[in-house]
Amino acid sequence: MGDPQFHMAVQVDGAIWAVTFVSEFGFHETRIMTSAEFIKMISAEARLGG
């Protein structure tokens, strides 16, 4: 899968997030992440300008 065009995150509970990524080709991938993983991902995106 290429770089996701956008994603949607839903907080399942205090420590778990369901994050759905959608690529420019319309492919969907949902990942379950802990809050720590989610914060790390968002921080990396902010550094990359994504």
PDB file of N, CA and C in Angstrom:
ATOM      1  N   MET A   1       0.844  -1.180   0.000  1.00  0.00           N
ATOM      2  CA  MET A   1       0.000   0.000   0.000  1.00  0.00           C
ATOM      3  C   MET A   1       0.886   1.239   0.000  1.00  0.00           C
ATOM      4  N   GLY A   2       0.489   2.239  -0.763  1.00  0.00           N
ATOM      5  CA  GLY A   2       1.253   3.477  -0.804  1.00  0.00           C
ATOM      6  C   GLY A   2       1.023   4.296   0.441  1.00  0.00           C
ATOM      7  N   ASP A   3       1.504   5.510   0.409  1.00  0.00           N
ATOM      8  CA  ASP A   3       1.298   6.395   1.558  1.00  0.00           C
ATOM      9  C   ASP A   3      -0.184   6.718   1.709  1.00  0.00           C
ATOM     10  N   PRO A   4      -0.704   6.582   2.904  1.00  0.00           N
ATOM     11  CA  PRO A   4      -2.123   6.889   3.108  1.00  0.00           C
ATOM     12  C   PRO A   4      -2.405   8.360   2.816  1.00  0.00           C
ATOM     13  N   GLN A   5      -3.525   8.618   2.188  1.00  0.00           N
ATOM     14  CA  GLN A   5      -3.931   9.989   1.929  1.00  0.00           C
ATOM     15  C   GLN A   5      -4.509  10.622   3.183  1.00  0.00           C
ATOM     16  N   PHE A   6      -5.257   9.854   3.948  1.00  0.00           N
ATOM     17  CA  PHE A   6      -5.817  10.368   5.192  1.00  0.00           C
ATOM     18  C   PHE A   6      -6.153   9.196   6.088  1.00  0.00           C
ATOM     19  N   HIS A   7      -6.441   9.489   7.320  1.00  0.00           N
ATOM     20  CA  HIS A   7      -6.852   8.438   8.238  1.00  0.00           C
ATOM     21  C   HIS A   7      -7.886   8.984   9.205  1.00  0.00           C
ATOM     22  N   MET A   8      -8.611   8.055   9.793  1.00  0.00           N
ATOM     23  CA  MET A   8      -9.618   8.407  10.784  1.00  0.00           C
ATOM     24  C   MET A   8      -9.332   7.575  12.021  1.00  0.00           C
ATOM     25  N   ALA A   9      -9.284   8.217  13.173  1.00  0.00           N
ATOM     26  CA  ALA A   9      -8.998   7.513  14.415  1.00  0.00           C
ATOM     27  C   ALA A   9     -10.210   7.576  15.334  1.00  0.00           C
ATOM     28  N   VAL A  10     -10.523   6.453  15.919  1.00  0.00           N
ATOM     29  CA  VAL A  10     -11.619   6.372  16.882  1.00  0.00           C
ATOM     30  C   VAL A  10     -11.062   5.797  18.170  1.00  0.00           C
ATOM     31  N   GLN A  11     -11.274   6.492  19.271  1.00  0.00           N
ATOM     32  CA  GLN A  11     -10.801   5.993  20.559  1.00  0.00           C
ATOM     33  C   GLN A  11     -11.807   4.967  21.065  1.00  0.00           C
ATOM     34  N   VAL A  12     -11.346   3.711  21.167  1.00  0.00           N
ATOM     35  CA  VAL A  12     -12.212   2.620  21.583  1.00  0.00           C
ATOM     36  C   VAL A  12     -12.437   2.677  23.090  1.00  0.00           C
ATOM     37  N   ASP A  13     -11.353   2.885  23.824  1.00  0.00           N
ATOM     38  CA  ASP A  13     -11.457   3.153  25.254  1.00  0.00           C
ATOM     39  C   ASP A  13     -10.260   4.012  25.633  1.00  0.00           C
ATOM     40  N   GLY A  14      -9.961   4.122  26.900  1.00  0.00           N
ATOM     41  CA  GLY A  14      -8.905   5.028  27.322  1.00  0.00           C
ATOM     42  C   GLY A  14      -7.536   4.729  26.745  1.00  0.00           C
ATOM     43  N   ALA A  15      -7.281   3.489  26.367  1.00  0.00           N
ATOM     44  CA  ALA A  15      -5.936   3.127  25.933  1.00  0.00           C
ATOM     45  C   ALA A  15      -5.882   2.536  24.531  1.00  0.00           C
ATOM     46  N   ILE A  16      -7.006   2.360  23.880  1.00  0.00           N
ATOM     47  CA  ILE A  16      -7.037   1.669  22.587  1.00  0.00           C
ATOM     48  C   ILE A  16      -7.667   2.564  21.531  1.00  0.00           C
ATOM     49  N   TRP A  17      -7.022   2.606  20.360  1.00  0.00           N
ATOM     50  CA  TRP A  17      -7.522   3.372  19.219  1.00  0.00           C
ATOM     51  C   TRP A  17      -7.677   2.448  18.016  1.00  0.00           C
ATOM     52  N   ALA A  18      -8.727   2.650  17.259  1.00  0.00           N
ATOM     53  CA  ALA A  18      -8.889   1.987  15.960  1.00  0.00           C
ATOM     54  C   ALA A  18      -8.622   3.056  14.904  1.00  0.00           C
ATOM     55  N   VAL A  19      -7.578   2.863  14.116  1.00  0.00           N
ATOM     56  CA  VAL A  19      -7.170   3.860  13.129  1.00  0.00           C
ATOM     57  C   VAL A  19      -7.348   3.268  11.736  1.00  0.00           C
ATOM     58  N   THR A  20      -8.168   3.906  10.918  1.00  0.00           N
ATOM     59  CA  THR A  20      -8.401   3.446   9.546  1.00  0.00           C
ATOM     60  C   THR A  20      -7.651   4.356   8.593  1.00  0.00           C
ATOM     61  N   PHE A  21      -6.805   3.741   7.772  1.00  0.00           N
ATOM     62  CA  PHE A  21      -6.037   4.467   6.769  1.00  0.00           C
ATOM     63  C   PHE A  21      -6.691   4.236   5.413  1.00  0.00           C
ATOM     64  N   VAL A  22      -6.767   5.270   4.598  1.00  0.00           N
ATOM     65  CA  VAL A  22      -7.323   5.154   3.249  1.00  0.00           C
ATOM     66  C   VAL A  22      -6.292   5.713   2.278  1.00  0.00           C
ATOM     67  N   SER A  23      -5.883   4.889   1.313  1.00  0.00           N
ATOM     68  CA  SER A  23      -4.883   5.332   0.348  1.00  0.00           C
ATOM     69  C   SER A  23      -5.544   6.069  -0.803  1.00  0.00           C
ATOM     70  N   GLU A  24      -4.714   6.657  -1.654  1.00  0.00           N
ATOM     71  CA  GLU A  24      -5.230   7.390  -2.809  1.00  0.00           C
ATOM     72  C   GLU A  24      -5.968   6.472  -3.768  1.00  0.00           C
ATOM     73  N   PHE A  25      -5.738   5.165  -3.678  1.00  0.00           N
ATOM     74  CA  PHE A  25      -6.397   4.208  -4.569  1.00  0.00           C
ATOM     75  C   PHE A  25      -7.666   3.634  -3.960  1.00  0.00           C
ATOM     76  N   GLY A  26      -8.014   4.099  -2.756  1.00  0.00           N
ATOM     77  CA  GLY A  26      -9.237   3.647  -2.120  1.00  0.00           C
ATOM     78  C   GLY A  26      -9.090   2.407  -1.269  1.00  0.00           C
ATOM     79  N   PHE A  27      -7.860   1.940  -1.048  1.00  0.00           N
ATOM     80  CA  PHE A  27      -7.649   0.788  -0.175  1.00  0.00           C
ATOM     81  C   PHE A  27      -7.805   1.218   1.279  1.00  0.00           C
ATOM     82  N   HIS A  28      -8.396   0.358   2.061  1.00  0.00           N
ATOM     83  CA  HIS A  28      -8.619   0.640   3.481  1.00  0.00           C
ATOM     84  C   HIS A  28      -7.820  -0.337   4.322  1.00  0.00           C
ATOM     85  N   GLU A  29      -7.276   0.137   5.397  1.00  0.00           N
ATOM     86  CA  GLU A  29      -6.608  -0.734   6.374  1.00  0.00           C
ATOM     87  C   GLU A  29      -6.910  -0.175   7.748  1.00  0.00           C
ATOM     88  N   THR A  30      -7.410  -1.022   8.630  1.00  0.00           N
ATOM     89  CA  THR A  30      -7.684  -0.601  10.005  1.00  0.00           C
ATOM     90  C   THR A  30      -6.679  -1.265  10.929  1.00  0.00           C
ATOM     91  N   ARG A  31      -6.071  -0.478  11.777  1.00  0.00           N
ATOM     92  CA  ARG A  31      -5.117  -0.994  12.762  1.00  0.00           C
ATOM     93  C   ARG A  31      -5.603  -0.626  14.151  1.00  0.00           C
ATOM     94  N   ILE A  32      -5.403  -1.542  15.074  1.00  0.00           N
ATOM     95  CA  ILE A  32      -5.685  -1.279  16.482  1.00  0.00           C
ATOM     96  C   ILE A  32      -4.368  -0.861  17.130  1.00  0.00           C
ATOM     97  N   MET A  33      -4.381   0.254  17.796  1.00  0.00           N
ATOM     98  CA  MET A  33      -3.167   0.789  18.410  1.00  0.00           C
ATOM     99  C   MET A  33      -3.425   1.139  19.864  1.00  0.00           C
ATOM    100  N   THR A  34      -2.370   1.081  20.649  1.00  0.00           N
ATOM    101  CA  THR A  34      -2.455   1.620  22.004  1.00  0.00           C
ATOM    102  C   THR A  34      -2.320   3.140  21.907  1.00  0.00           C
ATOM    103  N   SER A  35      -2.649   3.822  22.977  1.00  0.00           N
ATOM    104  CA  SER A  35      -2.499   5.278  22.979  1.00  0.00           C
ATOM    105  C   SER A  35      -1.054   5.679  22.706  1.00  0.00           C
ATOM    106  N   ALA A  36      -0.095   4.946  23.255  1.00  0.00           N
ATOM    107  CA  ALA A  36       1.316   5.281  23.052  1.00  0.00           C
ATOM    108  C   ALA A  36       1.696   5.151  21.577  1.00  0.00           C
ATOM    109  N   GLU A  37       1.234   4.079  20.911  1.00  0.00           N
ATOM    110  CA  GLU A  37       1.525   3.907  19.490  1.00  0.00           C
ATOM    111  C   GLU A  37       0.883   5.011  18.662  1.00  0.00           C
ATOM    112  N   PHE A  38      -0.358   5.359  19.016  1.00  0.00           N
ATOM    113  CA  PHE A  38      -1.079   6.394  18.284  1.00  0.00           C
ATOM    114  C   PHE A  38      -0.369   7.739  18.401  1.00  0.00           C
ATOM    115  N   ILE A  39       0.050   8.085  19.620  1.00  0.00           N
ATOM    116  CA  ILE A  39       0.753   9.358  19.834  1.00  0.00           C
ATOM    117  C   ILE A  39       2.063   9.372  19.064  1.00  0.00           C
ATOM    118  N   LYS A  40       2.774   8.234  19.055  1.00  0.00           N
ATOM    119  CA  LYS A  40       4.033   8.158  18.322  1.00  0.00           C
ATOM    120  C   LYS A  40       3.788   8.381  16.822  1.00  0.00           C
ATOM    121  N   MET A  41       2.727   7.777  16.288  1.00  0.00           N
ATOM    122  CA  MET A  41       2.404   7.923  14.870  1.00  0.00           C
ATOM    123  C   MET A  41       2.065   9.379  14.540  1.00  0.00           C
ATOM    124  N   ILE A  42       1.236  10.009  15.371  1.00  0.00           N
ATOM    125  CA  ILE A  42       0.836  11.393  15.135  1.00  0.00           C
ATOM    126  C   ILE A  42       2.053  12.324  15.228  1.00  0.00           C
ATOM    127  N   SER A  43       2.941  12.051  16.177  1.00  0.00           N
ATOM    128  CA  SER A  43       4.145  12.870  16.320  1.00  0.00           C
ATOM    129  C   SER A  43       5.036  12.747  15.084  1.00  0.00           C
ATOM    130  N   ALA A  44       5.178  11.527  14.563  1.00  0.00           N
ATOM    131  CA  ALA A  44       5.981  11.310  13.361  1.00  0.00           C
ATOM    132  C   ALA A  44       5.368  12.049  12.172  1.00  0.00           C
ATOM    133  N   GLU A  45       4.049  12.005  12.043  1.00  0.00           N
ATOM    134  CA  GLU A  45       3.378  12.712  10.959  1.00  0.00           C
ATOM    135  C   GLU A  45       3.594  14.215  11.069  1.00  0.00           C
ATOM    136  N   ALA A  46       3.538  14.734  12.283  1.00  0.00           N
ATOM    137  CA  ALA A  46       3.732  16.175  12.473  1.00  0.00           C
ATOM    138  C   ALA A  46       5.137  16.583  12.051  1.00  0.00           C
ATOM    139  N   ARG A  47       6.122  15.742  12.365  1.00  0.00           N
ATOM    140  CA  ARG A  47       7.501  16.055  11.966  1.00  0.00           C
ATOM    141  C   ARG A  47       7.661  16.010  10.447  1.00  0.00           C
ATOM    142  N   LEU A  48       6.927  15.098   9.793  1.00  0.00           N
ATOM    143  CA  LEU A  48       7.030  14.949   8.343  1.00  0.00           C
ATOM    144  C   LEU A  48       6.153  15.950   7.594  1.00  0.00           C
ATOM    145  N   GLY A  49       5.325  16.657   8.325  1.00  0.00           N
ATOM    146  CA  GLY A  49       4.433  17.614   7.679  1.00  0.00           C
ATOM    147  C   GLY A  49       3.192  16.962   7.109  1.00  0.00           C
ATOM    148  N   GLY A  50       2.906  15.725   7.545  1.00  0.00           N
ATOM    149  CA  GLY A  50       1.758  14.995   7.032  1.00  0.00           C
ATOM    150  C   GLY A  50       0.541  15.338   7.805  1.00  0.00           C
TER     151      GLY A  50
END
